[in-house]
Amino acid sequence: MLELDAQLTKDGHVVVLHDYTLDRTTNGSGPIGEKTLKEVRTLDAGSWFGPEFAGEKIPTFEEVVEWAKGKIRLNVELKSGP
C-alpha cells in the first residue's frame, strides 16, 4: 500500500504533494494552492532528493492512480491547506 497526500492547485487540479508549500521539495516557493497546474509542472521536484532524480515533476492524482492501477493499493489523505 502507498500512502500519499493530494491537494488542489489554484486552478482546481488535484496533485500529489505532502507539503503545503513548494519550498522544501521543489525549486519553487509558496503554497501549492496559489499555483496553477501549468506553473507546478515547470518545477523540479527531484533534485532535492539526489542528482539522479533531477527533472522529476509533481504528479497529478490521475497520473498516480493510472500508475498504481492493478499494482498497488492507495491510501489517500486529502489536504485542504495549512
N, C-alpha and C. Protein backbone atom coordinates (compact mmCIF):
# COMPACT_ATOMS: atom_id res chain seq x y z
N MET A 1 0.84 -1.17 0.00
CA MET A 1 0.00 0.00 0.00
C MET A 1 0.89 1.24 0.00
N LEU A 2 0.44 2.24 -0.72
CA LEU A 2 1.17 3.51 -0.82
C LEU A 2 0.30 4.60 -0.22
N GLU A 3 0.85 5.33 0.75
CA GLU A 3 0.15 6.47 1.34
C GLU A 3 0.62 7.72 0.63
N LEU A 4 -0.33 8.58 0.25
CA LEU A 4 0.03 9.83 -0.41
C LEU A 4 -0.92 10.93 -0.02
N ASP A 5 -0.49 12.16 -0.26
CA ASP A 5 -1.29 13.33 0.07
C ASP A 5 -1.69 14.02 -1.23
N ALA A 6 -2.97 14.37 -1.32
CA ALA A 6 -3.49 15.03 -2.51
C ALA A 6 -4.04 16.40 -2.13
N GLN A 7 -3.76 17.38 -2.97
CA GLN A 7 -4.26 18.72 -2.72
C GLN A 7 -4.50 19.46 -4.03
N LEU A 8 -5.24 20.54 -3.93
CA LEU A 8 -5.65 21.28 -5.11
C LEU A 8 -4.68 22.39 -5.48
N THR A 9 -4.52 22.58 -6.78
CA THR A 9 -3.81 23.74 -7.28
C THR A 9 -4.80 24.90 -7.36
N LYS A 10 -4.31 26.07 -7.65
CA LYS A 10 -5.13 27.28 -7.75
C LYS A 10 -6.27 27.11 -8.76
N ASP A 11 -6.00 26.38 -9.84
CA ASP A 11 -7.00 26.20 -10.89
C ASP A 11 -7.79 24.90 -10.75
N GLY A 12 -7.73 24.27 -9.57
CA GLY A 12 -8.60 23.14 -9.27
C GLY A 12 -8.13 21.77 -9.69
N HIS A 13 -6.87 21.62 -10.05
CA HIS A 13 -6.33 20.30 -10.39
C HIS A 13 -5.81 19.63 -9.11
N VAL A 14 -5.97 18.32 -9.03
CA VAL A 14 -5.51 17.57 -7.86
C VAL A 14 -4.12 17.03 -8.15
N VAL A 15 -3.16 17.38 -7.29
CA VAL A 15 -1.79 16.92 -7.43
C VAL A 15 -1.36 16.19 -6.17
N VAL A 16 -0.30 15.43 -6.29
CA VAL A 16 0.21 14.65 -5.17
C VAL A 16 1.46 15.33 -4.63
N LEU A 17 1.33 15.86 -3.42
CA LEU A 17 2.44 16.54 -2.75
C LEU A 17 2.16 16.55 -1.26
N HIS A 18 3.15 16.19 -0.46
CA HIS A 18 2.96 16.13 1.00
C HIS A 18 2.88 17.51 1.63
N ASP A 19 3.83 18.37 1.31
CA ASP A 19 3.92 19.69 1.94
C ASP A 19 2.88 20.65 1.37
N TYR A 20 2.46 21.61 2.19
CA TYR A 20 1.55 22.65 1.73
C TYR A 20 2.27 23.66 0.83
N THR A 21 3.58 23.77 1.02
CA THR A 21 4.36 24.69 0.20
C THR A 21 5.33 23.91 -0.68
N LEU A 22 5.83 24.61 -1.67
CA LEU A 22 6.75 24.02 -2.65
C LEU A 22 8.21 24.13 -2.22
N ASP A 23 8.48 24.88 -1.20
CA ASP A 23 9.83 25.28 -0.82
C ASP A 23 10.78 24.12 -0.51
N ARG A 24 10.37 23.14 0.24
CA ARG A 24 11.27 22.09 0.72
C ARG A 24 11.64 21.09 -0.36
N THR A 25 10.70 20.73 -1.23
CA THR A 25 10.94 19.62 -2.15
C THR A 25 10.94 19.99 -3.63
N THR A 26 10.91 21.28 -3.94
CA THR A 26 10.99 21.70 -5.34
C THR A 26 11.87 22.93 -5.45
N ASN A 27 12.08 23.37 -6.67
CA ASN A 27 12.81 24.62 -6.87
C ASN A 27 11.86 25.81 -6.92
N GLY A 28 10.62 25.60 -6.49
CA GLY A 28 9.63 26.67 -6.41
C GLY A 28 9.45 27.12 -4.98
N SER A 29 8.54 28.07 -4.79
CA SER A 29 8.26 28.53 -3.43
C SER A 29 6.81 28.95 -3.32
N GLY A 30 6.34 28.97 -2.09
CA GLY A 30 4.97 29.37 -1.81
C GLY A 30 4.03 28.19 -1.74
N PRO A 31 2.80 28.46 -1.31
CA PRO A 31 1.78 27.41 -1.20
C PRO A 31 1.40 26.84 -2.56
N ILE A 32 1.22 25.54 -2.62
CA ILE A 32 0.83 24.91 -3.89
C ILE A 32 -0.56 25.38 -4.30
N GLY A 33 -1.40 25.72 -3.34
CA GLY A 33 -2.75 26.19 -3.64
C GLY A 33 -2.80 27.56 -4.30
N GLU A 34 -1.65 28.22 -4.38
CA GLU A 34 -1.57 29.52 -5.04
C GLU A 34 -0.95 29.41 -6.44
N LYS A 35 -0.68 28.19 -6.89
CA LYS A 35 -0.07 27.96 -8.21
C LYS A 35 -1.04 27.20 -9.11
N THR A 36 -0.98 27.49 -10.40
CA THR A 36 -1.76 26.73 -11.37
C THR A 36 -1.02 25.43 -11.69
N LEU A 37 -1.73 24.49 -12.28
CA LEU A 37 -1.08 23.25 -12.68
C LEU A 37 0.05 23.53 -13.66
N LYS A 38 -0.16 24.45 -14.58
CA LYS A 38 0.88 24.79 -15.54
C LYS A 38 2.15 25.29 -14.83
N GLU A 39 1.98 26.11 -13.81
CA GLU A 39 3.13 26.61 -13.04
C GLU A 39 3.81 25.46 -12.29
N VAL A 40 3.01 24.59 -11.68
CA VAL A 40 3.56 23.46 -10.91
C VAL A 40 4.36 22.53 -11.81
N ARG A 41 3.89 22.32 -13.04
CA ARG A 41 4.56 21.39 -13.97
C ARG A 41 5.92 21.88 -14.44
N THR A 42 6.23 23.16 -14.22
CA THR A 42 7.55 23.67 -14.63
C THR A 42 8.61 23.42 -13.56
N LEU A 43 8.20 22.97 -12.39
CA LEU A 43 9.12 22.84 -11.26
C LEU A 43 9.88 21.51 -11.27
N ASP A 44 11.05 21.54 -10.69
CA ASP A 44 11.87 20.34 -10.49
C ASP A 44 11.59 19.83 -9.08
N ALA A 45 11.00 18.65 -8.99
CA ALA A 45 10.66 18.07 -7.70
C ALA A 45 11.56 16.90 -7.33
N GLY A 46 12.68 16.74 -8.01
CA GLY A 46 13.55 15.61 -7.73
C GLY A 46 14.94 15.96 -7.25
N SER A 47 15.47 17.08 -7.65
CA SER A 47 16.87 17.43 -7.33
C SER A 47 17.16 17.46 -5.84
N TRP A 48 16.18 17.84 -5.02
CA TRP A 48 16.40 17.91 -3.57
C TRP A 48 16.75 16.54 -3.01
N PHE A 49 16.28 15.49 -3.67
CA PHE A 49 16.48 14.12 -3.20
C PHE A 49 17.82 13.55 -3.67
N GLY A 50 18.24 13.96 -4.85
CA GLY A 50 19.51 13.50 -5.39
C GLY A 50 19.62 13.84 -6.86
N PRO A 51 20.83 13.98 -7.37
CA PRO A 51 21.01 14.40 -8.76
C PRO A 51 20.38 13.45 -9.77
N GLU A 52 20.29 12.17 -9.44
CA GLU A 52 19.71 11.21 -10.37
C GLU A 52 18.19 11.41 -10.53
N PHE A 53 17.58 12.22 -9.66
CA PHE A 53 16.14 12.48 -9.73
C PHE A 53 15.82 13.86 -10.30
N ALA A 54 16.83 14.57 -10.75
CA ALA A 54 16.63 15.91 -11.31
C ALA A 54 15.62 15.86 -12.45
N GLY A 55 14.74 16.83 -12.46
CA GLY A 55 13.75 16.92 -13.53
C GLY A 55 12.44 16.22 -13.26
N GLU A 56 12.35 15.50 -12.14
CA GLU A 56 11.08 14.84 -11.80
C GLU A 56 10.01 15.90 -11.55
N LYS A 57 8.79 15.60 -11.96
CA LYS A 57 7.68 16.54 -11.83
C LYS A 57 6.73 16.11 -10.72
N ILE A 58 5.98 17.05 -10.18
CA ILE A 58 4.91 16.74 -9.24
C ILE A 58 3.80 16.08 -10.04
N PRO A 59 3.40 14.88 -9.68
CA PRO A 59 2.38 14.18 -10.47
C PRO A 59 0.97 14.64 -10.13
N THR A 60 0.09 14.51 -11.09
CA THR A 60 -1.33 14.71 -10.80
C THR A 60 -1.84 13.44 -10.13
N PHE A 61 -2.94 13.59 -9.42
CA PHE A 61 -3.55 12.44 -8.78
C PHE A 61 -3.95 11.40 -9.83
N GLU A 62 -4.47 11.87 -10.95
CA GLU A 62 -4.87 10.96 -12.03
C GLU A 62 -3.69 10.14 -12.53
N GLU A 63 -2.53 10.75 -12.68
CA GLU A 63 -1.34 10.02 -13.14
C GLU A 63 -0.95 8.93 -12.14
N VAL A 64 -1.03 9.24 -10.86
CA VAL A 64 -0.66 8.26 -9.84
C VAL A 64 -1.66 7.10 -9.83
N VAL A 65 -2.93 7.41 -9.95
CA VAL A 65 -3.95 6.36 -9.97
C VAL A 65 -3.73 5.44 -11.16
N GLU A 66 -3.45 6.01 -12.32
CA GLU A 66 -3.19 5.19 -13.52
C GLU A 66 -1.96 4.32 -13.33
N TRP A 67 -0.91 4.87 -12.74
CA TRP A 67 0.32 4.12 -12.49
C TRP A 67 0.07 2.96 -11.52
N ALA A 68 -0.74 3.22 -10.49
CA ALA A 68 -0.96 2.23 -9.43
C ALA A 68 -1.98 1.16 -9.80
N LYS A 69 -2.82 1.44 -10.77
CA LYS A 69 -3.92 0.53 -11.11
C LYS A 69 -3.41 -0.89 -11.33
N GLY A 70 -3.96 -1.82 -10.56
CA GLY A 70 -3.61 -3.23 -10.70
C GLY A 70 -2.29 -3.62 -10.07
N LYS A 71 -1.55 -2.65 -9.50
CA LYS A 71 -0.24 -2.93 -8.91
C LYS A 71 -0.22 -2.78 -7.39
N ILE A 72 -0.85 -1.71 -6.91
CA ILE A 72 -0.72 -1.36 -5.50
C ILE A 72 -1.95 -0.59 -5.05
N ARG A 73 -2.34 -0.79 -3.81
CA ARG A 73 -3.46 -0.04 -3.25
C ARG A 73 -2.98 1.33 -2.77
N LEU A 74 -3.87 2.32 -2.81
CA LEU A 74 -3.54 3.67 -2.40
C LEU A 74 -4.32 4.07 -1.16
N ASN A 75 -3.65 4.73 -0.24
CA ASN A 75 -4.26 5.34 0.93
C ASN A 75 -4.06 6.84 0.75
N VAL A 76 -5.14 7.55 0.46
CA VAL A 76 -5.04 8.97 0.07
C VAL A 76 -5.51 9.88 1.20
N GLU A 77 -4.65 10.83 1.56
CA GLU A 77 -5.01 11.87 2.51
C GLU A 77 -5.32 13.13 1.71
N LEU A 78 -6.51 13.66 1.88
CA LEU A 78 -6.91 14.88 1.18
C LEU A 78 -6.55 16.07 2.06
N LYS A 79 -5.76 16.97 1.53
CA LYS A 79 -5.35 18.15 2.31
C LYS A 79 -6.11 19.37 1.80
N SER A 80 -6.38 20.29 2.71
CA SER A 80 -7.15 21.47 2.34
C SER A 80 -6.44 22.77 2.67
N GLY A 81 -5.17 22.72 2.98
CA GLY A 81 -4.40 23.92 3.29
C GLY A 81 -3.89 23.88 4.71
N PRO A 82 -2.97 24.80 5.01
CA PRO A 82 -2.36 24.78 6.35
C PRO A 82 -3.35 25.10 7.46
